[in-house]
Amino acid sequence: MNILMGVGNILRGDDGIGCYIAKNFKEKNWLSLDCGTAPENFTSIIRKNKPETLVIVDAADMGVNEGGFRVVSEEKIGSIGISTHNMPLSFLINYLKDSAEKIIFIGIQPKNIRDSEKISDELRKSAEEIMEILREGRLEEIETL
């Protein structure tokens, strides 16, 4: 089994992209969790299920084109601008290290993180592409930051 954790704030435009993906990604052998701004509240599910692959998706300021997405290495997570959360994602990933065979963080460059419930067209397009990559098991094709 694999688990997708969508993280973000749905009231801040593109910051809700991880939640959008989690709500819309339905696939056999995947458990999709919309974690909002408190992914730490879902750690017991991860630890209980011990997934083969844990994918965390969130908006992240990586200095790439709007809608661009990258796998962000553990070493670089602390140096990129990640949206508002109760706990830094680097702490979360460190806490979950022994609970999944592989943890992959996918950051998506936001266009708009102002107060809004609308996700930009660029990010919706990227979300569809990411969901297709997950469905087809092509995670290794995503460029690393």
N, C-alpha and C. Protein backbone atom coordinates (compact mmCIF):
# COMPACT_ATOMS: atom_id res chain seq x y z
N MET A 1 0.83 -1.18 0.00
CA MET A 1 0.00 0.00 0.00
C MET A 1 0.88 1.25 0.00
N ASN A 2 0.37 2.29 -0.65
CA ASN A 2 1.03 3.59 -0.68
C ASN A 2 0.09 4.62 -0.08
N ILE A 3 0.65 5.69 0.45
CA ILE A 3 -0.16 6.76 1.04
C ILE A 3 0.25 8.09 0.46
N LEU A 4 -0.76 8.90 0.11
CA LEU A 4 -0.57 10.27 -0.34
C LEU A 4 -1.09 11.19 0.76
N MET A 5 -0.24 12.10 1.20
CA MET A 5 -0.65 13.13 2.16
C MET A 5 -0.68 14.47 1.43
N GLY A 6 -1.86 15.04 1.29
CA GLY A 6 -2.00 16.37 0.70
C GLY A 6 -2.01 17.39 1.81
N VAL A 7 -1.12 18.37 1.73
CA VAL A 7 -0.96 19.35 2.81
C VAL A 7 -1.21 20.75 2.25
N GLY A 8 -1.80 21.63 3.07
CA GLY A 8 -1.97 23.01 2.66
C GLY A 8 -3.18 23.66 3.29
N ASN A 9 -3.35 24.94 2.96
CA ASN A 9 -4.44 25.74 3.48
C ASN A 9 -5.37 26.10 2.33
N ILE A 10 -6.55 25.50 2.31
CA ILE A 10 -7.49 25.70 1.20
C ILE A 10 -8.05 27.12 1.14
N LEU A 11 -7.82 27.93 2.14
CA LEU A 11 -8.32 29.31 2.15
C LEU A 11 -7.29 30.29 1.61
N ARG A 12 -6.13 29.78 1.16
CA ARG A 12 -5.06 30.64 0.65
C ARG A 12 -4.68 30.26 -0.78
N GLY A 13 -5.68 30.17 -1.63
CA GLY A 13 -5.44 29.94 -3.05
C GLY A 13 -4.63 28.69 -3.32
N ASP A 14 -3.52 28.87 -4.03
CA ASP A 14 -2.69 27.73 -4.45
C ASP A 14 -2.06 26.97 -3.30
N ASP A 15 -2.05 27.54 -2.10
CA ASP A 15 -1.52 26.81 -0.96
C ASP A 15 -2.34 25.55 -0.68
N GLY A 16 -3.56 25.50 -1.19
CA GLY A 16 -4.41 24.34 -0.99
C GLY A 16 -4.22 23.24 -2.03
N ILE A 17 -3.19 23.34 -2.87
CA ILE A 17 -3.02 22.37 -3.95
C ILE A 17 -2.81 20.94 -3.45
N GLY A 18 -2.10 20.77 -2.36
CA GLY A 18 -1.91 19.42 -1.82
C GLY A 18 -3.23 18.80 -1.40
N CYS A 19 -4.09 19.61 -0.78
CA CYS A 19 -5.42 19.14 -0.37
C CYS A 19 -6.28 18.81 -1.59
N TYR A 20 -6.18 19.65 -2.62
CA TYR A 20 -6.92 19.43 -3.86
C TYR A 20 -6.54 18.08 -4.47
N ILE A 21 -5.25 17.80 -4.52
CA ILE A 21 -4.79 16.53 -5.08
C ILE A 21 -5.30 15.36 -4.23
N ALA A 22 -5.18 15.49 -2.91
CA ALA A 22 -5.63 14.41 -2.02
C ALA A 22 -7.12 14.13 -2.18
N LYS A 23 -7.93 15.17 -2.36
CA LYS A 23 -9.37 14.98 -2.52
C LYS A 23 -9.72 14.33 -3.86
N ASN A 24 -8.90 14.57 -4.87
CA ASN A 24 -9.22 14.11 -6.22
C ASN A 24 -8.48 12.86 -6.66
N PHE A 25 -7.52 12.40 -5.88
CA PHE A 25 -6.73 11.23 -6.28
C PHE A 25 -7.32 9.98 -5.63
N LYS A 26 -7.90 9.15 -6.46
CA LYS A 26 -8.47 7.87 -6.02
C LYS A 26 -7.84 6.78 -6.87
N GLU A 27 -7.14 5.88 -6.23
CA GLU A 27 -6.47 4.83 -6.99
C GLU A 27 -6.32 3.60 -6.10
N LYS A 28 -6.46 2.44 -6.74
CA LYS A 28 -6.26 1.18 -6.03
C LYS A 28 -4.83 1.15 -5.46
N ASN A 29 -4.66 0.60 -4.30
CA ASN A 29 -3.37 0.50 -3.61
C ASN A 29 -2.85 1.82 -3.08
N TRP A 30 -3.70 2.87 -3.07
CA TRP A 30 -3.33 4.16 -2.51
C TRP A 30 -4.38 4.59 -1.49
N LEU A 31 -3.91 5.10 -0.38
CA LEU A 31 -4.76 5.77 0.60
C LEU A 31 -4.43 7.25 0.48
N SER A 32 -5.44 8.06 0.21
CA SER A 32 -5.23 9.48 -0.03
C SER A 32 -5.79 10.27 1.15
N LEU A 33 -4.94 11.06 1.81
CA LEU A 33 -5.32 11.81 3.01
C LEU A 33 -5.22 13.31 2.78
N ASP A 34 -6.32 14.02 2.98
CA ASP A 34 -6.33 15.48 2.95
C ASP A 34 -5.98 15.93 4.36
N CYS A 35 -4.74 16.37 4.55
CA CYS A 35 -4.23 16.67 5.89
C CYS A 35 -4.36 18.14 6.28
N GLY A 36 -4.81 18.98 5.35
CA GLY A 36 -4.94 20.40 5.67
C GLY A 36 -3.63 20.98 6.18
N THR A 37 -3.72 21.83 7.20
CA THR A 37 -2.52 22.48 7.75
C THR A 37 -1.93 21.72 8.93
N ALA A 38 -2.48 20.55 9.24
CA ALA A 38 -1.98 19.79 10.39
C ALA A 38 -1.67 18.34 10.03
N PRO A 39 -0.67 18.12 9.16
CA PRO A 39 -0.36 16.74 8.77
C PRO A 39 0.07 15.86 9.94
N GLU A 40 0.55 16.49 11.01
CA GLU A 40 0.96 15.71 12.19
C GLU A 40 -0.21 14.95 12.80
N ASN A 41 -1.44 15.41 12.55
CA ASN A 41 -2.61 14.71 13.08
C ASN A 41 -2.88 13.38 12.37
N PHE A 42 -2.16 13.11 11.29
CA PHE A 42 -2.36 11.90 10.50
C PHE A 42 -1.22 10.90 10.65
N THR A 43 -0.26 11.21 11.50
CA THR A 43 0.91 10.34 11.62
C THR A 43 0.56 8.94 12.13
N SER A 44 -0.47 8.83 12.96
CA SER A 44 -0.84 7.49 13.47
C SER A 44 -1.31 6.59 12.33
N ILE A 45 -1.96 7.16 11.33
CA ILE A 45 -2.41 6.38 10.17
C ILE A 45 -1.20 5.87 9.39
N ILE A 46 -0.20 6.73 9.24
CA ILE A 46 1.01 6.34 8.52
C ILE A 46 1.73 5.24 9.30
N ARG A 47 1.92 5.46 10.59
CA ARG A 47 2.65 4.50 11.41
C ARG A 47 1.93 3.15 11.49
N LYS A 48 0.61 3.17 11.49
CA LYS A 48 -0.16 1.93 11.55
C LYS A 48 -0.07 1.15 10.24
N ASN A 49 -0.16 1.84 9.11
CA ASN A 49 -0.19 1.19 7.80
C ASN A 49 1.18 0.89 7.21
N LYS A 50 2.22 1.57 7.68
CA LYS A 50 3.58 1.37 7.18
C LYS A 50 3.61 1.22 5.65
N PRO A 51 3.32 2.30 4.93
CA PRO A 51 3.25 2.22 3.47
C PRO A 51 4.59 1.93 2.82
N GLU A 52 4.51 1.35 1.64
CA GLU A 52 5.71 1.15 0.84
C GLU A 52 6.26 2.53 0.45
N THR A 53 5.37 3.38 -0.08
CA THR A 53 5.75 4.74 -0.46
C THR A 53 4.80 5.72 0.19
N LEU A 54 5.35 6.75 0.81
CA LEU A 54 4.58 7.86 1.36
C LEU A 54 4.94 9.08 0.52
N VAL A 55 3.93 9.66 -0.14
CA VAL A 55 4.13 10.86 -0.94
C VAL A 55 3.44 12.01 -0.22
N ILE A 56 4.19 13.08 0.02
CA ILE A 56 3.64 14.29 0.63
C ILE A 56 3.67 15.38 -0.44
N VAL A 57 2.52 16.02 -0.67
CA VAL A 57 2.41 17.05 -1.69
C VAL A 57 1.98 18.36 -1.04
N ASP A 58 2.71 19.44 -1.38
CA ASP A 58 2.41 20.74 -0.79
C ASP A 58 2.92 21.84 -1.71
N ALA A 59 2.32 23.02 -1.59
CA ALA A 59 2.85 24.19 -2.29
C ALA A 59 4.19 24.55 -1.66
N ALA A 60 5.15 24.94 -2.49
CA ALA A 60 6.48 25.30 -1.99
C ALA A 60 7.11 26.32 -2.91
N ASP A 61 7.69 27.36 -2.32
CA ASP A 61 8.38 28.37 -3.12
C ASP A 61 9.79 27.87 -3.40
N MET A 62 9.98 27.40 -4.63
CA MET A 62 11.26 26.81 -5.02
C MET A 62 11.99 27.64 -6.06
N GLY A 63 11.38 28.76 -6.45
CA GLY A 63 12.01 29.60 -7.46
C GLY A 63 11.92 29.04 -8.86
N VAL A 64 10.88 28.23 -9.13
CA VAL A 64 10.66 27.70 -10.48
C VAL A 64 9.38 28.33 -11.03
N ASN A 65 9.04 28.03 -12.27
CA ASN A 65 7.84 28.58 -12.88
C ASN A 65 6.59 28.18 -12.11
N GLU A 66 5.59 29.06 -12.11
CA GLU A 66 4.32 28.77 -11.46
C GLU A 66 3.76 27.46 -11.97
N GLY A 67 3.39 26.58 -11.05
CA GLY A 67 2.88 25.27 -11.44
C GLY A 67 3.97 24.23 -11.60
N GLY A 68 5.23 24.66 -11.60
CA GLY A 68 6.33 23.71 -11.69
C GLY A 68 6.38 22.85 -10.43
N PHE A 69 6.70 21.59 -10.59
CA PHE A 69 6.78 20.72 -9.42
C PHE A 69 8.08 19.93 -9.45
N ARG A 70 8.56 19.66 -8.25
CA ARG A 70 9.83 18.95 -8.09
C ARG A 70 9.75 18.03 -6.88
N VAL A 71 10.54 16.98 -6.92
CA VAL A 71 10.79 16.21 -5.71
C VAL A 71 11.84 17.00 -4.95
N VAL A 72 11.56 17.28 -3.70
CA VAL A 72 12.49 18.05 -2.88
C VAL A 72 13.19 17.09 -1.93
N SER A 73 14.51 17.07 -2.01
CA SER A 73 15.28 16.16 -1.15
C SER A 73 15.17 16.60 0.31
N GLU A 74 15.36 15.67 1.18
CA GLU A 74 15.26 15.94 2.62
C GLU A 74 16.19 17.07 3.04
N GLU A 75 17.37 17.12 2.44
CA GLU A 75 18.35 18.16 2.80
C GLU A 75 17.87 19.55 2.41
N LYS A 76 17.05 19.65 1.37
CA LYS A 76 16.62 20.96 0.88
C LYS A 76 15.28 21.42 1.44
N ILE A 77 14.55 20.54 2.11
CA ILE A 77 13.22 20.92 2.59
C ILE A 77 13.28 22.13 3.51
N GLY A 78 14.28 22.19 4.36
CA GLY A 78 14.40 23.32 5.28
C GLY A 78 14.73 24.63 4.61
N SER A 79 15.24 24.59 3.38
CA SER A 79 15.70 25.82 2.72
C SER A 79 14.69 26.39 1.73
N ILE A 80 13.56 25.70 1.51
CA ILE A 80 12.56 26.24 0.59
C ILE A 80 11.41 26.82 1.39
N GLY A 81 10.68 27.73 0.78
CA GLY A 81 9.53 28.33 1.44
C GLY A 81 8.33 27.43 1.33
N ILE A 82 7.93 26.86 2.45
CA ILE A 82 6.76 25.99 2.47
C ILE A 82 5.65 26.73 3.19
N SER A 83 4.44 26.49 2.75
CA SER A 83 3.29 27.20 3.27
C SER A 83 3.08 26.99 4.77
N THR A 84 2.04 27.61 5.28
CA THR A 84 1.77 27.63 6.72
C THR A 84 1.34 26.27 7.26
N HIS A 85 2.09 25.78 8.24
CA HIS A 85 1.74 24.52 8.91
C HIS A 85 2.07 24.66 10.38
N ASN A 86 1.43 23.80 11.17
CA ASN A 86 1.71 23.80 12.59
C ASN A 86 3.10 23.25 12.89
N MET A 87 3.56 22.32 12.09
CA MET A 87 4.86 21.67 12.30
C MET A 87 5.65 21.71 11.00
N PRO A 88 6.94 22.06 11.05
CA PRO A 88 7.74 22.04 9.82
C PRO A 88 7.72 20.64 9.20
N LEU A 89 7.62 20.58 7.87
CA LEU A 89 7.56 19.29 7.19
C LEU A 89 8.83 18.48 7.39
N SER A 90 9.96 19.15 7.60
CA SER A 90 11.20 18.41 7.84
C SER A 90 11.08 17.59 9.13
N PHE A 91 10.43 18.13 10.16
CA PHE A 91 10.21 17.39 11.41
C PHE A 91 9.28 16.21 11.17
N LEU A 92 8.22 16.47 10.42
CA LEU A 92 7.24 15.42 10.12
C LEU A 92 7.91 14.25 9.39
N ILE A 93 8.68 14.57 8.37
CA ILE A 93 9.35 13.53 7.59
C ILE A 93 10.34 12.76 8.45
N ASN A 94 11.07 13.45 9.28
CA ASN A 94 12.02 12.79 10.18
C ASN A 94 11.28 11.86 11.14
N TYR A 95 10.14 12.30 11.64
CA TYR A 95 9.35 11.49 12.56
C TYR A 95 8.81 10.22 11.89
N LEU A 96 8.49 10.32 10.61
CA LEU A 96 7.88 9.20 9.90
C LEU A 96 8.88 8.29 9.18
N LYS A 97 10.17 8.61 9.26
CA LYS A 97 11.20 7.85 8.52
C LYS A 97 11.10 6.34 8.68
N ASP A 98 10.84 5.88 9.89
CA ASP A 98 10.81 4.44 10.14
C ASP A 98 9.43 3.83 9.85
N SER A 99 8.50 4.64 9.34
CA SER A 99 7.13 4.17 9.11
C SER A 99 6.81 3.91 7.65
N ALA A 100 7.72 4.25 6.76
CA ALA A 100 7.51 4.02 5.32
C ALA A 100 8.83 3.60 4.70
N GLU A 101 8.74 2.73 3.70
CA GLU A 101 9.97 2.31 3.02
C GLU A 101 10.62 3.48 2.30
N LYS A 102 9.77 4.36 1.72
CA LYS A 102 10.28 5.49 0.96
C LYS A 102 9.35 6.68 1.20
N ILE A 103 9.93 7.85 1.47
CA ILE A 103 9.15 9.08 1.62
C ILE A 103 9.59 10.06 0.54
N ILE A 104 8.61 10.56 -0.19
CA ILE A 104 8.89 11.49 -1.28
C ILE A 104 8.06 12.76 -1.05
N PHE A 105 8.75 13.90 -1.01
CA PHE A 105 8.06 15.18 -0.89
C PHE A 105 8.03 15.84 -2.26
N ILE A 106 6.83 16.16 -2.74
CA ILE A 106 6.66 16.87 -4.01
C ILE A 106 6.19 18.28 -3.70
N GLY A 107 7.00 19.26 -4.09
CA GLY A 107 6.63 20.66 -3.95
C GLY A 107 6.10 21.18 -5.27
N ILE A 108 5.09 22.05 -5.17
CA ILE A 108 4.51 22.67 -6.37
C ILE A 108 4.61 24.18 -6.18
N GLN A 109 5.20 24.85 -7.16
CA GLN A 109 5.39 26.30 -7.10
C GLN A 109 4.03 27.00 -7.22
N PRO A 110 3.61 27.74 -6.18
CA PRO A 110 2.32 28.43 -6.25
C PRO A 110 2.37 29.68 -7.12
N LYS A 111 1.22 30.07 -7.61
CA LYS A 111 1.08 31.34 -8.34
C LYS A 111 0.47 32.38 -7.41
N ASN A 112 -0.56 31.97 -6.67
CA ASN A 112 -1.31 32.88 -5.81
C ASN A 112 -1.53 32.24 -4.44
N ILE A 113 -1.04 32.88 -3.38
CA ILE A 113 -1.30 32.38 -2.03
C ILE A 113 -1.99 33.46 -1.18
N ARG A 114 -2.76 34.31 -1.86
CA ARG A 114 -3.57 35.30 -1.15
C ARG A 114 -4.84 34.62 -0.65
N ASP A 115 -5.59 35.34 0.17
CA ASP A 115 -6.85 34.81 0.68
C ASP A 115 -7.82 34.56 -0.47
N SER A 116 -8.08 33.30 -0.73
CA SER A 116 -8.94 32.89 -1.83
C SER A 116 -9.10 31.38 -1.73
N GLU A 117 -10.24 30.89 -2.18
CA GLU A 117 -10.44 29.43 -2.21
C GLU A 117 -10.20 28.88 -3.61
N LYS A 118 -9.75 29.72 -4.53
CA LYS A 118 -9.56 29.31 -5.92
C LYS A 118 -8.10 28.92 -6.19
N ILE A 119 -7.95 27.77 -6.77
CA ILE A 119 -6.62 27.31 -7.19
C ILE A 119 -6.43 27.73 -8.64
N SER A 120 -5.27 28.27 -8.96
CA SER A 120 -5.00 28.77 -10.31
C SER A 120 -5.02 27.63 -11.34
N ASP A 121 -5.31 28.01 -12.58
CA ASP A 121 -5.36 27.03 -13.66
C ASP A 121 -4.03 26.31 -13.84
N GLU A 122 -2.91 27.05 -13.68
CA GLU A 122 -1.59 26.45 -13.83
C GLU A 122 -1.40 25.30 -12.82
N LEU A 123 -1.85 25.52 -11.58
CA LEU A 123 -1.67 24.49 -10.57
C LEU A 123 -2.64 23.34 -10.74
N ARG A 124 -3.84 23.62 -11.22
CA ARG A 124 -4.78 22.52 -11.50
C ARG A 124 -4.20 21.60 -12.58
N LYS A 125 -3.59 22.19 -13.59
CA LYS A 125 -2.96 21.41 -14.67
C LYS A 125 -1.83 20.56 -14.08
N SER A 126 -1.01 21.15 -13.22
CA SER A 126 0.08 20.40 -12.58
C SER A 126 -0.47 19.28 -11.70
N ALA A 127 -1.57 19.56 -11.01
CA ALA A 127 -2.19 18.54 -10.15
C ALA A 127 -2.62 17.34 -10.98
N GLU A 128 -3.22 17.58 -12.13
CA GLU A 128 -3.64 16.48 -13.01
C GLU A 128 -2.42 15.66 -13.46
N GLU A 129 -1.35 16.36 -13.78
CA GLU A 129 -0.13 15.68 -14.23
C GLU A 129 0.46 14.83 -13.10
N ILE A 130 0.48 15.38 -11.90
CA ILE A 130 1.01 14.62 -10.75
C ILE A 130 0.15 13.40 -10.48
N MET A 131 -1.16 13.55 -10.53
CA MET A 131 -2.04 12.40 -10.27
C MET A 131 -1.83 11.31 -11.32
N GLU A 132 -1.60 11.69 -12.56
CA GLU A 132 -1.33 10.72 -13.62
C GLU A 132 -0.01 10.00 -13.36
N ILE A 133 1.01 10.74 -12.95
CA ILE A 133 2.31 10.15 -12.61
C ILE A 133 2.16 9.14 -11.47
N LEU A 134 1.37 9.50 -10.46
CA LEU A 134 1.15 8.59 -9.33
C LEU A 134 0.41 7.33 -9.79
N ARG A 135 -0.63 7.52 -10.61
CA ARG A 135 -1.41 6.38 -11.12
C ARG A 135 -0.53 5.40 -11.88
N GLU A 136 0.40 5.95 -12.65
CA GLU A 136 1.23 5.12 -13.52
C GLU A 136 2.54 4.69 -12.87
N GLY A 137 2.76 5.08 -11.61
CA GLY A 137 3.97 4.67 -10.91
C GLY A 137 5.23 5.23 -11.51
N ARG A 138 5.19 6.47 -11.98
CA ARG A 138 6.34 7.09 -12.65
C ARG A 138 7.00 8.17 -11.81
N LEU A 139 7.01 8.02 -10.50
CA LEU A 139 7.55 9.05 -9.60
C LEU A 139 9.00 9.40 -9.93
N GLU A 140 9.75 8.44 -10.40
CA GLU A 140 11.17 8.69 -10.69
C GLU A 140 11.36 9.68 -11.84
N GLU A 141 10.29 9.95 -12.60
CA GLU A 141 10.37 10.89 -13.71
C GLU A 141 10.29 12.35 -13.27
N ILE A 142 9.88 12.59 -12.03
CA ILE A 142 9.77 13.96 -11.55
C ILE A 142 11.17 14.49 -11.25
N GLU A 143 11.47 15.65 -11.80
CA GLU A 143 12.77 16.26 -11.58
C GLU A 143 12.99 16.58 -10.10
N THR A 144 14.24 16.39 -9.65
CA THR A 144 14.58 16.68 -8.26
C THR A 144 15.15 18.09 -8.17
N LEU A 145 14.74 18.80 -7.13
CA LEU A 145 15.22 20.16 -6.92
C LEU A 145 16.67 20.13 -6.44
